[in-house]
Structures are given as C-alpha cells and as structure tokens.
C-alpha atoms as a PDB file:
ATOM      1  CA  UNK A   1      86.994 -43.489  67.011  1.00  0.00           C
ATOM      2  CA  UNK A   2      88.149 -46.786  65.501  1.00  0.00           C
ATOM      3  CA  UNK A   3      86.478 -48.654  68.342  1.00  0.00           C
ATOM      4  CA  UNK A   4      83.149 -46.917  67.669  1.00  0.00           C
ATOM      5  CA  UNK A   5      83.408 -47.654  63.947  1.00  0.00           C
ATOM      6  CA  UNK A   6      84.241 -51.291  64.605  1.00  0.00           C
ATOM      7  CA  UNK A   7      81.286 -51.524  66.989  1.00  0.00           C
ATOM      8  CA  UNK A   8      78.940 -50.113  64.361  1.00  0.00           C
ATOM      9  CA  UNK A   9      80.216 -52.569  61.764  1.00  0.00           C
ATOM     10  CA  UNK A  10      79.766 -55.439  64.199  1.00  0.00           C
ATOM     11  CA  UNK A  11      76.205 -54.294  64.916  1.00  0.00           C
ATOM     12  CA  UNK A  12      75.456 -54.094  61.195  1.00  0.00           C
ATOM     13  CA  UNK A  13      76.790 -57.614  60.620  1.00  0.00           C
ATOM     14  CA  UNK A  14      74.760 -58.850  63.586  1.00  0.00           C
ATOM     15  CA  UNK A  15      71.580 -57.492  62.002  1.00  0.00           C
ATOM     16  CA  UNK A  16      72.493 -58.999  58.623  1.00  0.00           C
ATOM     17  CA  UNK A  17      73.480 -62.401  59.991  1.00  0.00           C
ATOM     18  CA  UNK A  18      69.946 -63.931  60.205  1.00  0.00           C
ATOM     19  CA  UNK A  19      69.223 -62.899  56.608  1.00  0.00           C
ATOM     20  CA  UNK A  20      72.581 -64.207  55.416  1.00  0.00           C
ATOM     21  CA  UNK A  21      71.920 -67.566  57.076  1.00  0.00           C
ATOM     22  CA  UNK A  22      68.422 -67.701  55.566  1.00  0.00           C
ATOM     23  CA  UNK A  23      69.728 -66.910  52.071  1.00  0.00           C
ATOM     24  CA  UNK A  24      72.448 -69.543  52.419  1.00  0.00           C
ATOM     25  CA  UNK A  25      70.044 -72.252  53.611  1.00  0.00           C
ATOM     26  CA  UNK A  26      66.997 -71.410  51.483  1.00  0.00           C
ATOM     27  CA  UNK A  27      68.593 -70.089  48.281  1.00  0.00           C
ATOM     28  CA  UNK A  28      72.279 -70.864  47.860  1.00  0.00           C
ATOM     29  CA  UNK A  29      72.257 -74.448  49.166  1.00  0.00           C
ATOM     30  CA  UNK A  30      69.180 -75.559  47.148  1.00  0.00           C
ATOM     31  CA  UNK A  31      70.676 -73.913  44.042  1.00  0.00           C
ATOM     32  CA  UNK A  32      73.925 -75.863  44.473  1.00  0.00           C
ATOM     33  CA  UNK A  33      72.017 -79.112  45.044  1.00  0.00           C
ATOM     34  CA  UNK A  34      69.955 -78.353  41.950  1.00  0.00           C
ATOM     35  CA  UNK A  35      73.114 -77.981  39.859  1.00  0.00           C
ATOM     36  CA  UNK A  36      74.422 -81.271  41.242  1.00  0.00           C
ATOM     37  CA  UNK A  37      71.201 -83.156  40.442  1.00  0.00           C
ATOM     38  CA  UNK A  38      71.319 -81.809  36.865  1.00  0.00           C
ATOM     39  CA  UNK A  39      74.169 -84.211  36.032  1.00  0.00           C
ATOM     40  CA  UNK A  40      72.558 -87.322  37.485  1.00  0.00           C
ATOM     41  CA  UNK A  41      69.888 -89.850  36.599  1.00  0.00           C
ATOM     42  CA  UNK A  42      67.360 -89.308  39.370  1.00  0.00           C
ATOM     43  CA  UNK A  43      63.590 -89.764  39.458  1.00  0.00           C
ATOM     44  CA  UNK A  44      63.109 -88.081  42.826  1.00  0.00           C
ATOM     45  CA  UNK A  45      61.520 -91.229  44.248  1.00  0.00           C
ATOM     46  CA  UNK A  46      63.279 -94.331  45.568  1.00  0.00           C
ATOM     47  CA  UNK A  47      66.412 -94.735  43.474  1.00  0.00           C
ATOM     48  CA  UNK A  48      69.557 -92.922  44.543  1.00  0.00           C
ATOM     49  CA  UNK A  49      71.024 -90.383  42.073  1.00  0.00           C
ATOM     50  CA  UNK A  50      73.443 -91.875  39.552  1.00  0.00           C
ATOM     51  CA  UNK A  51      76.006 -89.593  37.907  1.00  0.00           C
ATOM     52  CA  UNK A  52      75.546 -89.554  34.112  1.00  0.00           C
ATOM     53  CA  UNK A  53      77.726 -86.628  33.092  1.00  0.00           C
ATOM     54  CA  UNK A  54      76.380 -84.627  30.151  1.00  0.00           C
ATOM     55  CA  UNK A  55      73.652 -87.095  29.176  1.00  0.00           C
ATOM     56  CA  UNK A  56      70.909 -84.738  30.372  1.00  0.00           C
ATOM     57  CA  UNK A  57      72.514 -81.849  28.480  1.00  0.00           C
ATOM     58  CA  UNK A  58      72.437 -83.866  25.242  1.00  0.00           C
ATOM     59  CA  UNK A  59      68.808 -84.724  25.925  1.00  0.00           C
ATOM     60  CA  UNK A  60      68.040 -81.060  26.496  1.00  0.00           C
ATOM     61  CA  UNK A  61      69.674 -79.964  23.222  1.00  0.00           C
ATOM     62  CA  UNK A  62      67.456 -82.400  21.296  1.00  0.00           C
ATOM     63  CA  UNK A  63      64.256 -81.520  23.198  1.00  0.00           C
ATOM     64  CA  UNK A  64      61.808 -79.791  20.854  1.00  0.00           C
ATOM     65  CA  UNK A  65      59.296 -79.185  23.655  1.00  0.00           C
ATOM     66  CA  UNK A  66      61.935 -77.231  25.568  1.00  0.00           C
ATOM     67  CA  UNK A  67      62.394 -74.970  22.558  1.00  0.00           C
ATOM     68  CA  UNK A  68      58.635 -74.360  22.515  1.00  0.00           C
ATOM     69  CA  UNK A  69      58.806 -73.556  26.218  1.00  0.00           C
ATOM     70  CA  UNK A  70      61.638 -71.059  25.751  1.00  0.00           C
ATOM     71  CA  UNK A  71      59.701 -69.334  22.956  1.00  0.00           C
ATOM     72  CA  UNK A  72      56.575 -69.183  25.112  1.00  0.00           C
ATOM     73  CA  UNK A  73      58.497 -67.720  28.061  1.00  0.00           C
ATOM     74  CA  UNK A  74      60.270 -65.139  25.891  1.00  0.00           C
ATOM     75  CA  UNK A  75      56.984 -64.032  24.333  1.00  0.00           C
ATOM     76  CA  UNK A  76      55.380 -63.851  27.756  1.00  0.00           C
ATOM     77  CA  UNK A  77      58.157 -61.661  29.146  1.00  0.00           C
ATOM     78  CA  UNK A  78      58.011 -59.357  26.105  1.00  0.00           C
ATOM     79  CA  UNK A  79      54.258 -58.877  26.631  1.00  0.00           C
ATOM     80  CA  UNK A  80      53.734 -59.085  30.390  1.00  0.00           C
ATOM     81  CA  UNK A  81      56.618 -56.986  31.744  1.00  0.00           C
ATOM     82  CA  UNK A  82      55.772 -53.782  29.794  1.00  0.00           C
ATOM     83  CA  UNK A  83      52.056 -54.184  30.582  1.00  0.00           C
ATOM     84  CA  UNK A  84      52.639 -54.678  34.314  1.00  0.00           C
ATOM     85  CA  UNK A  85      55.196 -51.869  34.472  1.00  0.00           C
ATOM     86  CA  UNK A  86      52.986 -49.438  32.545  1.00  0.00           C
ATOM     87  CA  UNK A  87      49.979 -50.253  34.725  1.00  0.00           C
ATOM     88  CA  UNK A  88      51.906 -49.893  38.002  1.00  0.00           C
ATOM     89  CA  UNK A  89      53.612 -46.646  36.970  1.00  0.00           C
ATOM     90  CA  UNK A  90      50.519 -45.133  35.391  1.00  0.00           C
ATOM     91  CA  UNK A  91      48.236 -45.867  38.340  1.00  0.00           C
ATOM     92  CA  UNK A  92      50.930 -44.912  40.864  1.00  0.00           C
ATOM     93  CA  UNK A  93      51.419 -41.478  39.279  1.00  0.00           C
ATOM     94  CA  UNK A  94      47.692 -40.972  38.741  1.00  0.00           C
ATOM     95  CA  UNK A  95      46.772 -41.713  42.362  1.00  0.00           C
ATOM     96  CA  UNK A  96      49.792 -40.055  44.017  1.00  0.00           C
ATOM     97  CA  UNK A  97      48.090 -36.656  44.261  1.00  0.00           C
ATOM     98  CA  UNK A  98      45.438 -36.202  46.973  1.00  0.00           C
ATOM     99  CA  UNK A  99      41.949 -36.505  45.527  1.00  0.00           C
ATOM    100  CA  UNK A 100      38.454 -37.330  46.819  1.00  0.00           C
ATOM    101  CA  UNK A 101      38.127 -41.067  47.300  1.00  0.00           C
ATOM    102  CA  UNK A 102      41.806 -41.585  46.458  1.00  0.00           C
ATOM    103  CA  UNK A 103      42.303 -43.918  49.405  1.00  0.00           C
ATOM    104  CA  UNK A 104      39.650 -46.310  48.138  1.00  0.00           C
ATOM    105  CA  UNK A 105      41.064 -46.241  44.609  1.00  0.00           C
ATOM    106  CA  UNK A 106      44.493 -47.140  45.984  1.00  0.00           C
ATOM    107  CA  UNK A 107      42.993 -49.991  47.992  1.00  0.00           C
ATOM    108  CA  UNK A 108      41.227 -51.230  44.855  1.00  0.00           C
ATOM    109  CA  UNK A 109      44.504 -51.264  42.899  1.00  0.00           C
ATOM    110  CA  UNK A 110      46.353 -53.146  45.648  1.00  0.00           C
ATOM    111  CA  UNK A 111      43.579 -55.612  46.500  1.00  0.00           C
ATOM    112  CA  UNK A 112      44.188 -58.155  43.649  1.00  0.00           C
ATOM    113  CA  UNK A 113      47.761 -58.607  44.908  1.00  0.00           C
ATOM    114  CA  UNK A 114      46.577 -60.295  48.110  1.00  0.00           C
ATOM    115  CA  UNK A 115      44.333 -62.731  46.198  1.00  0.00           C
ATOM    116  CA  UNK A 116      45.990 -66.194  46.070  1.00  0.00           C
ATOM    117  CA  UNK A 117      47.230 -67.225  42.633  1.00  0.00           C
ATOM    118  CA  UNK A 118      44.906 -70.231  42.473  1.00  0.00           C
ATOM    119  CA  UNK A 119      41.869 -68.114  43.315  1.00  0.00           C
ATOM    120  CA  UNK A 120      42.873 -65.510  40.724  1.00  0.00           C
ATOM    121  CA  UNK A 121      43.243 -68.180  38.031  1.00  0.00           C
ATOM    122  CA  UNK A 122      39.886 -69.767  38.884  1.00  0.00           C
ATOM    123  CA  UNK A 123      38.269 -66.330  38.772  1.00  0.00           C
ATOM    124  CA  UNK A 124      39.705 -65.730  35.311  1.00  0.00           C
ATOM    125  CA  UNK A 125      38.414 -69.102  34.126  1.00  0.00           C
ATOM    126  CA  UNK A 126      34.990 -67.570  34.711  1.00  0.00           C
ATOM    127  CA  UNK A 127      35.897 -64.140  33.300  1.00  0.00           C
ATOM    128  CA  UNK A 128      37.226 -65.687  30.070  1.00  0.00           C
ATOM    129  CA  UNK A 129      34.430 -68.211  29.593  1.00  0.00           C
ATOM    130  CA  UNK A 130      33.378 -67.892  25.920  1.00  0.00           C
ATOM    131  CA  UNK A 131      29.661 -68.458  26.645  1.00  0.00           C
ATOM    132  CA  UNK A 132      28.813 -66.523  29.808  1.00  0.00           C
ATOM    133  CA  UNK A 133      32.071 -64.836  30.814  1.00  0.00           C
ATOM    134  CA  UNK A 134      31.751 -61.091  31.509  1.00  0.00           C
ATOM    135  CA  UNK A 135      34.647 -60.175  29.210  1.00  0.00           C
ATOM    136  CA  UNK A 136      32.941 -61.546  26.090  1.00  0.00           C
ATOM    137  CA  UNK A 137      29.669 -59.996  27.225  1.00  0.00           C
ATOM    138  CA  UNK A 138      31.337 -56.577  27.408  1.00  0.00           C
ATOM    139  CA  UNK A 139      32.796 -57.108  23.933  1.00  0.00           C
ATOM    140  CA  UNK A 140      29.315 -58.028  22.739  1.00  0.00           C
ATOM    141  CA  UNK A 141      28.068 -54.592  23.763  1.00  0.00           C
ATOM    142  CA  UNK A 142      30.383 -53.162  21.103  1.00  0.00           C
ATOM    143  CA  UNK A 143      29.238 -55.604  18.443  1.00  0.00           C
ATOM    144  CA  UNK A 144      32.200 -57.984  18.778  1.00  0.00           C
ATOM    145  CA  UNK A 145      31.364 -61.707  18.950  1.00  0.00           C
ATOM    146  CA  UNK A 146      34.103 -62.325  21.519  1.00  0.00           C
ATOM    147  CA  UNK A 147      36.878 -64.899  21.617  1.00  0.00           C
ATOM    148  CA  UNK A 148      37.330 -68.487  22.652  1.00  0.00           C
ATOM    149  CA  UNK A 149      40.170 -67.211  24.800  1.00  0.00           C
ATOM    150  CA  UNK A 150      41.841 -70.426  25.913  1.00  0.00           C
ATOM    151  CA  UNK A 151      41.438 -72.348  22.652  1.00  0.00           C
ATOM    152  CA  UNK A 152      43.642 -70.212  20.410  1.00  0.00           C
ATOM    153  CA  UNK A 153      47.411 -69.781  21.010  1.00  0.00           C
ATOM    154  CA  UNK A 154      47.378 -65.995  20.520  1.00  0.00           C
ATOM    155  CA  UNK A 155      44.387 -65.255  22.728  1.00  0.00           C
ATOM    156  CA  UNK A 156      45.631 -67.727  25.362  1.00  0.00           C
ATOM    157  CA  UNK A 157      48.877 -65.747  25.645  1.00  0.00           C
ATOM    158  CA  UNK A 158      46.886 -62.524  25.902  1.00  0.00           C
ATOM    159  CA  UNK A 159      44.637 -64.092  28.554  1.00  0.00           C
ATOM    160  CA  UNK A 160      47.577 -64.974  30.826  1.00  0.00           C
ATOM    161  CA  UNK A 161      49.091 -61.497  30.374  1.00  0.00           C
ATOM    162  CA  UNK A 162      45.728 -59.921  31.174  1.00  0.00           C
ATOM    163  CA  UNK A 163      45.369 -62.023  34.310  1.00  0.00           C
ATOM    164  CA  UNK A 164      48.844 -61.109  35.565  1.00  0.00           C
ATOM    165  CA  UNK A 165      48.228 -57.398  34.876  1.00  0.00           C
ATOM    166  CA  UNK A 166      46.002 -57.200  37.954  1.00  0.00           C
ATOM    167  CA  UNK A 167      48.325 -58.219  40.867  1.00  0.00           C
ATOM    168  CA  UNK A 168      50.604 -55.144  40.521  1.00  0.00           C
ATOM    169  CA  UNK A 169      50.076 -53.805  44.028  1.00  0.00           C
ATOM    170  CA  UNK A 170      53.703 -54.044  45.145  1.00  0.00           C
ATOM    171  CA  UNK A 171      55.039 -52.094  42.168  1.00  0.00           C
ATOM    172  CA  UNK A 172      52.157 -49.638  42.501  1.00  0.00           C
ATOM    173  CA  UNK A 173      53.021 -48.917  46.151  1.00  0.00           C
ATOM    174  CA  UNK A 174      56.715 -48.411  45.291  1.00  0.00           C
ATOM    175  CA  UNK A 175      55.877 -45.909  42.525  1.00  0.00           C
ATOM    176  CA  UNK A 176      53.342 -44.172  44.755  1.00  0.00           C
ATOM    177  CA  UNK A 177      55.864 -43.735  47.580  1.00  0.00           C
ATOM    178  CA  UNK A 178      58.662 -42.650  45.237  1.00  0.00           C
ATOM    179  CA  UNK A 179      56.472 -40.031  43.548  1.00  0.00           C
ATOM    180  CA  UNK A 180      55.413 -38.553  46.881  1.00  0.00           C
ATOM    181  CA  UNK A 181      59.062 -38.224  47.939  1.00  0.00           C
ATOM    182  CA  UNK A 182      59.888 -35.934  44.996  1.00  0.00           C
ATOM    183  CA  UNK A 183      60.388 -32.288  45.914  1.00  0.00           C
ATOM    184  CA  UNK A 184      57.275 -30.293  45.072  1.00  0.00           C
ATOM    185  CA  UNK A 185      59.340 -27.149  44.544  1.00  0.00           C
ATOM    186  CA  UNK A 186      60.707 -28.662  41.344  1.00  0.00           C
ATOM    187  CA  UNK A 187      57.207 -28.837  39.915  1.00  0.00           C
ATOM    188  CA  UNK A 188      56.424 -25.299  41.064  1.00  0.00           C
ATOM    189  CA  UNK A 189      59.505 -24.049  39.265  1.00  0.00           C
ATOM    190  CA  UNK A 190      58.593 -26.043  36.154  1.00  0.00           C
ATOM    191  CA  UNK A 191      55.090 -24.548  36.191  1.00  0.00           C
ATOM    192  CA  UNK A 192      56.531 -21.046  36.418  1.00  0.00           C
ATOM    193  CA  UNK A 193      58.699 -21.841  33.393  1.00  0.00           C
ATOM    194  CA  UNK A 194      55.580 -22.765  31.434  1.00  0.00           C
ATOM    195  CA  UNK A 195      56.082 -26.534  31.532  1.00  0.00           C
ATOM    196  CA  UNK A 196      52.736 -28.346  31.358  1.00  0.00           C
ATOM    197  CA  UNK A 197      51.754 -31.680  32.932  1.00  0.00           C
ATOM    198  CA  UNK A 198      53.103 -33.833  30.098  1.00  0.00           C
ATOM    199  CA  UNK A 199      56.332 -31.844  29.969  1.00  0.00           C
ATOM    200  CA  UNK A 200      56.772 -32.302  33.716  1.00  0.00           C
ATOM    201  CA  UNK A 201      56.142 -36.027  33.324  1.00  0.00           C
ATOM    202  CA  UNK A 202      58.748 -36.350  30.576  1.00  0.00           C
ATOM    203  CA  UNK A 203      61.390 -33.975  31.940  1.00  0.00           C
ATOM    204  CA  UNK A 204      60.997 -34.335  35.704  1.00  0.00           C
ATOM    205  CA  UNK A 205      58.988 -37.295  36.938  1.00  0.00           C
ATOM    206  CA  UNK A 206      60.259 -40.105  34.726  1.00  0.00           C
ATOM    207  CA  UNK A 207      63.984 -39.118  34.909  1.00  0.00           C
ATOM    208  CA  UNK A 208      63.790 -38.751  38.694  1.00  0.00           C
ATOM    209  CA  UNK A 209      62.001 -42.090  39.027  1.00  0.00           C
ATOM    210  CA  UNK A 210      64.384 -43.872  36.637  1.00  0.00           C
ATOM    211  CA  UNK A 211      66.177 -45.899  39.384  1.00  0.00           C
ATOM    212  CA  UNK A 212      62.819 -47.058  40.740  1.00  0.00           C
ATOM    213  CA  UNK A 213      61.581 -47.971  37.262  1.00  0.00           C
ATOM    214  CA  UNK A 214      64.728 -49.993  36.605  1.00  0.00           C
ATOM    215  CA  UNK A 215      64.261 -51.840  39.894  1.00  0.00           C
ATOM    216  CA  UNK A 216      60.647 -52.641  39.011  1.00  0.00           C
ATOM    217  CA  UNK A 217      61.588 -53.761  35.486  1.00  0.00           C
ATOM    218  CA  UNK A 218      64.248 -56.128  36.829  1.00  0.00           C
ATOM    219  CA  UNK A 219      61.912 -57.450  39.522  1.00  0.00           C
ATOM    220  CA  UNK A 220      59.046 -58.026  37.092  1.00  0.00           C
ATOM    221  CA  UNK A 221      61.370 -59.759  34.638  1.00  0.00           C
ATOM    222  CA  UNK A 222      62.456 -62.206  37.332  1.00  0.00           C
ATOM    223  CA  UNK A 223      58.885 -62.789  38.503  1.00  0.00           C
ATOM    224  CA  UNK A 224      57.561 -63.215  34.970  1.00  0.00           C
ATOM    225  CA  UNK A 225      60.245 -65.755  34.094  1.00  0.00           C
ATOM    226  CA  UNK A 226      60.189 -67.763  37.295  1.00  0.00           C
ATOM    227  CA  UNK A 227      57.022 -67.187  39.323  1.00  0.00           C
ATOM    228  CA  UNK A 228      54.214 -67.545  36.762  1.00  0.00           C
ATOM    229  CA  UNK A 229      53.694 -71.255  37.379  1.00  0.00           C
ATOM    230  CA  UNK A 230      50.516 -71.449  39.472  1.00  0.00           C
ATOM    231  CA  UNK A 231      48.230 -69.067  37.522  1.00  0.00           C
ATOM    232  CA  UNK A 232      49.413 -70.340  34.126  1.00  0.00           C
ATOM    233  CA  UNK A 233      49.141 -73.991  35.196  1.00  0.00           C
ATOM    234  CA  UNK A 234      45.612 -73.584  36.520  1.00  0.00           C
ATOM    235  CA  UNK A 235      44.408 -71.393  33.656  1.00  0.00           C
ATOM    236  CA  UNK A 236      45.904 -73.179  30.624  1.00  0.00           C
ATOM    237  CA  UNK A 237      48.238 -76.029  31.736  1.00  0.00           C
ATOM    238  CA  UNK A 238      50.579 -75.039  28.886  1.00  0.00           C
ATOM    239  CA  UNK A 239      47.917 -75.306  26.209  1.00  0.00           C
ATOM    240  CA  UNK A 240      46.949 -74.777  23.450  1.00  0.00           C
ATOM    241  CA  UNK A 241      49.755 -75.931  21.139  1.00  0.00           C
ATOM    242  CA  UNK A 242      52.347 -75.256  23.887  1.00  0.00           C
ATOM    243  CA  UNK A 243      51.611 -71.517  23.583  1.00  0.00           C
ATOM    244  CA  UNK A 244      51.654 -71.111  27.379  1.00  0.00           C
ATOM    245  CA  UNK A 245      54.081 -73.907  28.202  1.00  0.00           C
ATOM    246  CA  UNK A 246      56.297 -71.562  30.173  1.00  0.00           C
ATOM    247  CA  UNK A 247      59.543 -72.857  31.621  1.00  0.00           C
ATOM    248  CA  UNK A 248      58.225 -73.247  35.204  1.00  0.00           C
ATOM    249  CA  UNK A 249      55.276 -75.270  33.863  1.00  0.00           C
ATOM    250  CA  UNK A 250      57.582 -77.444  31.765  1.00  0.00           C
ATOM    251  CA  UNK A 251      59.934 -77.977  34.718  1.00  0.00           C
ATOM    252  CA  UNK A 252      57.009 -79.119  36.873  1.00  0.00           C
ATOM    253  CA  UNK A 253      55.804 -81.510  34.177  1.00  0.00           C
ATOM    254  CA  UNK A 254      59.258 -83.062  33.751  1.00  0.00           C
ATOM    255  CA  UNK A 255      60.074 -83.335  37.456  1.00  0.00           C
ATOM    256  CA  UNK A 256      56.753 -84.429  38.940  1.00  0.00           C
ATOM    257  CA  UNK A 257      54.566 -85.797  36.140  1.00  0.00           C
ATOM    258  CA  UNK A 258      57.229 -87.672  34.145  1.00  0.00           C
ATOM    259  CA  UNK A 259      59.546 -88.426  37.133  1.00  0.00           C
ATOM    260  CA  UNK A 260      62.430 -86.692  35.392  1.00  0.00           C
ATOM    261  CA  UNK A 261      63.695 -84.986  38.523  1.00  0.00           C
ATOM    262  CA  UNK A 262      67.262 -84.637  37.256  1.00  0.00           C
ATOM    263  CA  UNK A 263      66.178 -83.271  33.890  1.00  0.00           C
ATOM    264  CA  UNK A 264      63.886 -80.794  35.636  1.00  0.00           C
ATOM    265  CA  UNK A 265      66.834 -79.721  37.779  1.00  0.00           C
ATOM    266  CA  UNK A 266      68.902 -79.107  34.644  1.00  0.00           C
ATOM    267  CA  UNK A 267      66.178 -76.936  33.090  1.00  0.00           C
ATOM    268  CA  UNK A 268      65.856 -75.061  36.403  1.00  0.00           C
ATOM    269  CA  UNK A 269      69.597 -74.338  36.274  1.00  0.00           C
ATOM    270  CA  UNK A 270      69.232 -73.088  32.707  1.00  0.00           C
ATOM    271  CA  UNK A 271      66.284 -70.904  33.781  1.00  0.00           C
ATOM    272  CA  UNK A 272      68.369 -69.336  36.554  1.00  0.00           C
ATOM    273  CA  UNK A 273      71.186 -68.664  34.086  1.00  0.00           C
ATOM    274  CA  UNK A 274      68.813 -67.149  31.510  1.00  0.00           C
ATOM    275  CA  UNK A 275      67.258 -64.939  34.177  1.00  0.00           C
ATOM    276  CA  UNK A 276      70.710 -63.731  35.260  1.00  0.00           C
ATOM    277  CA  UNK A 277      71.640 -62.950  31.639  1.00  0.00           C
ATOM    278  CA  UNK A 278      68.409 -61.023  31.003  1.00  0.00           C
ATOM    279  CA  UNK A 279      68.730 -59.016  34.222  1.00  0.00           C
ATOM    280  CA  UNK A 280      72.400 -58.243  33.495  1.00  0.00           C
ATOM    281  CA  UNK A 281      71.471 -57.081  29.983  1.00  0.00           C
ATOM    282  CA  UNK A 282      68.795 -54.786  31.414  1.00  0.00           C
ATOM    283  CA  UNK A 283      71.237 -53.262  33.888  1.00  0.00           C
ATOM    284  CA  UNK A 284      73.874 -52.744  31.177  1.00  0.00           C
ATOM    285  CA  UNK A 285      71.318 -51.080  28.909  1.00  0.00           C
ATOM    286  CA  UNK A 286      70.303 -48.717  31.691  1.00  0.00           C
ATOM    287  CA  UNK A 287      73.917 -47.961  32.524  1.00  0.00           C
ATOM    288  CA  UNK A 288      74.650 -47.182  28.866  1.00  0.00           C
ATOM    289  CA  UNK A 289      71.537 -44.989  28.690  1.00  0.00           C
ATOM    290  CA  UNK A 290      72.660 -42.998  31.728  1.00  0.00           C
ATOM    291  CA  UNK A 291      76.151 -42.560  30.273  1.00  0.00           C
ATOM    292  CA  UNK A 292      74.740 -41.345  26.954  1.00  0.00           C
ATOM    293  CA  UNK A 293      72.552 -38.848  28.756  1.00  0.00           C
END
C-alpha cells in the first residue's frame, strides 16, 4: 500500500516538474533579478550595473509622477474590475440556459478576447473618434453632443475601462461552465417553494458560485494592475494630465524611453508587492465574509 502511494506521489511530481521548472525560470528568476536591479544604477544598455543602495528608493519617494501613476492605477482598478466581473457574470448566467441561437451569442461574447490588444486599441481609436466615431453618433441619436473622449481626464479613464470591458471571454467561459455544473434539482426545489428567478439568483446561484467569483475577482485585479499596458499605451499613452498613466505604462517609460532600467525595476517590484497586498486583502475579506455567514 505504501509503495502504491509513493508511486502515485512520484507520478504527480513528475507531471508537475515541467511546470515547476517553467515557473522557476520564467517567473521566480526574473523576479529575483528585478529586485536586484532595483538597487543599482543601470541604464539597460552598455554600462554594467553599479550598486547604489537606497538611492532609487529615495528618488521614488520624491517622484510626483509616480504618485499620479498610483492614483491612476487605483482608480482604474476600482472602475474596471467591477465592470468586467459584472459583465462576465451577467452574460455567463444569461447564456447558460439553452436558447435558440445561444451558441452564436456565446461566440460573440468570447470573440473580442482573441483580438490582439493592439488591434483592439486601434479599433477603439476609431470608435471613440469625436467627429465620426460610431459611439458619438449613437449618442447623437439621443440628442447628446458626444464627448471628446481622449481629451478629458474623466472620459479618458472611462474610455479605457469601456475598451477593456469587451475581452471578458475567459471569465465568461468560467462562469458559464460553473453555472451548468450546478444541480438542477436545487432550482426545482426552490421553484416548488415559491422562489422566483431573482430569489434563486440571490439565494442559490451567487452563493454557490462564490468561490468562482472570488477567483475571477482576484484574477481580474492582477490583470488590471499589471497587464493593461498595451491597450492603454496605444489608446492614450498615459494622457491627458496623467489620467491614464498606469503603473505598467510608467514603468515602460522609465525603463525604455528614459533609460532608467534600474528605476523601472524598482517600480516593478513595488507593483508586484502592491498586487500581492491587494489580492491578500481580497482573500481576507472573502474569508471574513464566509465566517460571518
């Protein structure tokens, strides 16, 4: 019996080994090198890194543009994560039940996810054009003059959130699969007890999907903080008035436009730490919520 158990454990570790090696080489090692570069004076070009201690940290604490970037990222997370989560959950629950043409609706929801970020941003440059963009033309049908979307800080933030509300296919598929795995007998019993659709949503569907929703919230928080560089850079390049100067955009500017490779590495380390803190806070809030229930 012990031999069989040991063989199963060995097989499991054998399957996990390639992924462990990949994580070590592609994630852990670059992260450690990034932390090391953060305490050097390095341009990323010809000169070798020179250790400077906490000089970059002092520079960071006096950097007003970094504070603008942190504010922009925090605002973006507060807006984009709920919008993406609500869209993925709402569409996933709406299209989970069999219906005529449901397959094509599901394909339509997932399709923007496979569009490259650059192509999506270029498409939205046309959609948001203040003169001939379709969004302002639709608003004109309701008597609204439209917006100069990318010229005002508030509407620029809304524009980026709107753009990133479309590629939600992965979260949509997860919600769709999770909803279809729920036992239909629970809903039959709830119907017999006189519980309507909204009551079933509040008392059955959402509580049963809570672990999935937490996973999606954590995932979207990480993506929104760290992987919004390409669409935001192409659409706004951090403008106007640093309203969309998100941390990934600012890191790119420092490391590759201003040759501040070491300073960019320091901000990247701070971004990883902030992401870990936010995710940990989310998990603790969910754990407290489950205990209170």
